[in-house]
């Protein structure tokens, strides 16, 4: 009687961005929010890493045809000013992505046909003092739910509970067998060949981050 062989981990592009974040985001400055990369221990800018992970997810799903980015003209200031909004809607194709990944969330969100900013706000879910860290944590949680990361609960000052994620050796080996070059190329292609679309995506990421930042009042 044969034993079941555990299936190899499957990574979404956004998850590889997070695991190898020092190749997608600059090291964090002294005052900026930091995210420690699980494969290297390097601390990078949380905001820049979130930007790269979200763009990798959006552009991957867009290229797959399962959903698409679509700029639409609009009006502001009582119709006196022309504006352009970026929408996320269903595409003509189909694709499947790992459960719990941002890509899988984006495919489901496309059914609603809504602005990209609102899609990202809904993913972040609630206001936070640090939306980039919250977004990255949600993506890590998706990997944890598939057994690819180990979650460790920690209490801070006996009041606040935080979650640290640990990278098991098996996941590290599987991730290191993947190539991140196609993801880097994808990000470069949109930045260089579709600069206006890339700027619109970045604008919506920034707007979602600001909107989901807790007020200090």
Protein backbone atom coordinates (compact mmCIF):
# COMPACT_ATOMS: atom_id res chain seq x y z
CA UNK A 1 0.00 0.00 0.00
CA UNK A 2 1.53 3.29 -1.10
CA UNK A 3 1.77 6.30 1.19
CA UNK A 4 0.52 9.71 0.12
CA UNK A 5 3.37 12.01 -0.79
CA UNK A 6 2.86 15.56 0.47
CA UNK A 7 2.36 17.94 -2.44
CA UNK A 8 4.99 20.61 -2.99
CA UNK A 9 4.02 24.13 -1.88
CA UNK A 10 2.54 26.31 -4.60
CA UNK A 11 3.34 30.02 -4.39
CA UNK A 12 1.44 32.96 -5.80
CA UNK A 13 3.69 35.69 -7.26
CA UNK A 14 2.82 38.10 -4.44
CA UNK A 15 3.96 35.47 -1.92
CA UNK A 16 7.34 35.09 -3.62
CA UNK A 17 7.70 38.87 -3.52
CA UNK A 18 7.21 38.73 0.25
CA UNK A 19 9.57 35.79 0.77
CA UNK A 20 12.31 37.41 -1.35
CA UNK A 21 11.41 40.99 -0.54
CA UNK A 22 14.99 42.25 -0.44
CA UNK A 23 14.99 41.80 -4.22
CA UNK A 24 11.87 43.89 -4.67
CA UNK A 25 12.12 46.62 -2.04
CA UNK A 26 14.95 48.79 -0.65
CA UNK A 27 16.30 48.37 2.84
CA UNK A 28 14.31 50.31 5.42
CA UNK A 29 15.57 53.66 6.58
CA UNK A 30 16.06 54.61 10.20
CA UNK A 31 12.56 56.04 10.60
CA UNK A 32 10.54 54.00 8.11
CA UNK A 33 8.39 50.99 8.90
CA UNK A 34 10.37 47.77 8.51
CA UNK A 35 9.53 44.26 7.36
CA UNK A 36 12.02 41.48 8.03
CA UNK A 37 12.42 39.17 5.06
CA UNK A 38 12.02 35.54 6.12
CA UNK A 39 14.57 34.13 3.67
CA UNK A 40 17.37 36.59 4.42
CA UNK A 41 16.70 38.49 7.63
CA UNK A 42 17.14 41.78 5.75
CA UNK A 43 14.78 44.54 6.88
CA UNK A 44 13.15 46.38 4.00
CA UNK A 45 10.62 49.19 3.70
CA UNK A 46 7.18 47.79 4.55
CA UNK A 47 5.48 50.27 2.25
CA UNK A 48 7.70 49.51 -0.76
CA UNK A 49 7.33 45.77 -0.20
CA UNK A 50 3.55 46.07 -0.01
CA UNK A 51 3.57 48.10 -3.23
CA UNK A 52 5.56 45.40 -5.04
CA UNK A 53 3.43 42.53 -3.72
CA UNK A 54 0.13 44.21 -4.63
CA UNK A 55 1.37 45.15 -8.11
CA UNK A 56 2.65 41.61 -8.69
CA UNK A 57 -0.79 40.24 -7.77
CA UNK A 58 -2.79 42.75 -9.81
CA UNK A 59 -0.62 42.42 -12.91
CA UNK A 60 -0.50 38.62 -12.70
CA UNK A 61 -4.28 38.32 -12.54
CA UNK A 62 -4.66 40.98 -15.24
CA UNK A 63 -2.31 39.06 -17.55
CA UNK A 64 -4.13 35.79 -16.81
CA UNK A 65 -7.36 37.23 -18.18
CA UNK A 66 -9.36 36.26 -15.08
CA UNK A 67 -9.80 39.95 -14.27
CA UNK A 68 -8.62 43.20 -15.76
CA UNK A 69 -7.62 46.75 -14.95
CA UNK A 70 -9.72 49.27 -16.82
CA UNK A 71 -9.37 53.08 -16.65
CA UNK A 72 -12.68 54.92 -16.92
CA UNK A 73 -13.39 58.59 -17.37
CA UNK A 74 -15.36 60.37 -14.70
CA UNK A 75 -16.32 63.80 -13.43
CA UNK A 76 -15.44 65.70 -10.27
CA UNK A 77 -16.24 69.11 -8.78
CA UNK A 78 -19.88 69.03 -9.90
CA UNK A 79 -18.89 67.90 -13.38
CA UNK A 80 -16.43 70.73 -13.97
CA UNK A 81 -13.32 68.55 -13.98
CA UNK A 82 -12.54 65.41 -15.94
CA UNK A 83 -11.09 62.59 -13.87
CA UNK A 84 -10.05 59.02 -14.48
CA UNK A 85 -10.73 56.11 -12.16
CA UNK A 86 -9.16 52.69 -12.35
CA UNK A 87 -11.63 49.81 -12.14
CA UNK A 88 -11.17 46.11 -11.44
CA UNK A 89 -13.57 43.86 -13.30
CA UNK A 90 -14.02 40.34 -14.59
CA UNK A 91 -11.99 39.35 -17.60
CA UNK A 92 -12.73 36.97 -20.46
CA UNK A 93 -10.41 34.23 -19.20
CA UNK A 94 -10.07 32.08 -16.11
CA UNK A 95 -7.25 31.23 -13.75
CA UNK A 96 -6.82 29.68 -10.34
CA UNK A 97 -4.43 30.79 -7.62
CA UNK A 98 -3.50 29.35 -4.22
CA UNK A 99 -6.18 29.65 -1.56
CA UNK A 100 -5.64 32.59 0.76
CA UNK A 101 -3.40 34.43 -1.67
CA UNK A 102 -4.01 38.03 -2.70
CA UNK A 103 -4.37 36.81 -6.27
CA UNK A 104 -7.23 34.47 -5.30
CA UNK A 105 -8.90 37.35 -3.45
CA UNK A 106 -8.58 39.60 -6.50
CA UNK A 107 -10.22 37.04 -8.79
CA UNK A 108 -13.22 36.87 -6.45
CA UNK A 109 -13.34 40.66 -6.02
CA UNK A 110 -13.57 41.19 -9.79
CA UNK A 111 -17.16 39.91 -9.74
CA UNK A 112 -18.22 43.17 -8.03
CA UNK A 113 -16.70 45.49 -10.70
CA UNK A 114 -15.35 48.23 -8.46
CA UNK A 115 -12.56 50.77 -8.19
CA UNK A 116 -9.11 49.35 -7.48
CA UNK A 117 -8.76 51.59 -4.42
CA UNK A 118 -11.91 50.09 -2.90
CA UNK A 119 -10.76 46.53 -3.68
CA UNK A 120 -7.52 47.16 -1.79
CA UNK A 121 -9.29 48.85 1.13
CA UNK A 122 -11.58 45.84 1.44
CA UNK A 123 -8.57 43.51 1.45
CA UNK A 124 -6.86 45.46 4.24
CA UNK A 125 -10.18 45.18 6.01
CA UNK A 126 -9.88 47.64 8.85
CA UNK A 127 -8.03 50.78 9.80
CA UNK A 128 -4.55 50.19 11.15
CA UNK A 129 -1.69 52.24 12.53
CA UNK A 130 0.43 50.53 9.86
CA UNK A 131 -1.61 49.41 6.81
CA UNK A 132 1.46 48.10 4.91
CA UNK A 133 2.37 45.75 7.76
CA UNK A 134 -1.27 44.67 8.09
CA UNK A 135 -1.53 43.92 4.35
CA UNK A 136 1.71 41.95 4.37
CA UNK A 137 0.54 40.09 7.48
CA UNK A 138 -2.68 39.09 5.72
CA UNK A 139 -0.67 37.69 2.80
CA UNK A 140 1.53 35.75 5.21
CA UNK A 141 -1.56 34.46 6.98
CA UNK A 142 -2.73 33.04 3.66
CA UNK A 143 0.50 31.05 3.41
CA UNK A 144 0.20 30.00 7.04
CA UNK A 145 -3.31 28.64 6.46
CA UNK A 146 -1.86 26.37 3.76
CA UNK A 147 0.86 25.15 6.16
CA UNK A 148 3.66 27.03 4.39
CA UNK A 149 4.48 29.34 7.30
CA UNK A 150 4.31 28.70 11.04
CA UNK A 151 2.47 31.31 13.09
CA UNK A 152 3.78 32.17 16.56
CA UNK A 153 1.60 34.23 18.89
CA UNK A 154 3.43 36.76 21.05
CA UNK A 155 2.14 39.08 23.76
CA UNK A 156 3.48 42.58 24.03
CA UNK A 157 3.28 44.11 27.51
CA UNK A 158 0.62 41.48 28.34
CA UNK A 159 -1.93 43.47 26.36
CA UNK A 160 -1.34 43.40 22.61
CA UNK A 161 -0.97 40.09 20.83
CA UNK A 162 1.18 39.97 17.73
CA UNK A 163 1.85 37.17 15.27
CA UNK A 164 5.31 36.32 14.02
CA UNK A 165 5.70 34.01 11.06
CA UNK A 166 8.47 31.45 10.79
CA UNK A 167 9.68 29.95 7.52
CA UNK A 168 9.98 26.14 7.72
CA UNK A 169 12.91 24.53 5.95
CA UNK A 170 10.64 22.69 3.52
CA UNK A 171 8.99 25.93 2.42
CA UNK A 172 12.36 27.64 2.08
CA UNK A 173 13.65 24.87 -0.17
CA UNK A 174 10.53 24.97 -2.32
CA UNK A 175 10.67 28.78 -2.59
CA UNK A 176 14.35 28.75 -3.53
CA UNK A 177 13.54 26.38 -6.38
CA UNK A 178 11.22 29.00 -7.86
CA UNK A 179 12.43 31.77 -10.17
CA UNK A 180 11.55 35.33 -9.25
CA UNK A 181 12.89 36.67 -12.57
CA UNK A 182 9.48 36.45 -14.31
CA UNK A 183 7.90 38.52 -11.52
CA UNK A 184 10.65 41.13 -11.72
CA UNK A 185 10.19 41.24 -15.48
CA UNK A 186 6.42 41.61 -15.13
CA UNK A 187 6.81 44.63 -12.83
CA UNK A 188 9.38 46.20 -15.16
CA UNK A 189 7.18 45.67 -18.21
CA UNK A 190 4.22 47.49 -16.70
CA UNK A 191 6.45 50.28 -15.40
CA UNK A 192 8.18 50.78 -18.75
CA UNK A 193 5.56 49.81 -21.35
CA UNK A 194 2.39 50.94 -19.57
CA UNK A 195 3.64 53.78 -17.37
CA UNK A 196 0.27 55.53 -17.11
CA UNK A 197 -1.44 52.37 -15.93
CA UNK A 198 1.39 51.68 -13.48
CA UNK A 199 1.08 55.22 -12.09
CA UNK A 200 -2.68 54.81 -11.73
CA UNK A 201 -2.20 51.54 -9.83
CA UNK A 202 0.36 53.17 -7.53
CA UNK A 203 -2.00 56.09 -6.94
CA UNK A 204 -4.76 53.72 -5.83
CA UNK A 205 -2.38 51.75 -3.59
CA UNK A 206 -1.32 55.01 -1.93
CA UNK A 207 -4.93 56.16 -1.57
CA UNK A 208 -5.95 52.86 0.03
CA UNK A 209 -3.00 53.01 2.44
CA UNK A 210 -3.84 56.56 3.51
CA UNK A 211 -7.55 55.82 3.81
CA UNK A 212 -6.94 52.76 6.01
CA UNK A 213 -4.50 54.51 8.35
CA UNK A 214 -5.93 55.01 11.83
CA UNK A 215 -6.58 58.58 12.80
CA UNK A 216 -4.44 59.86 15.65
CA UNK A 217 -7.36 61.82 17.09
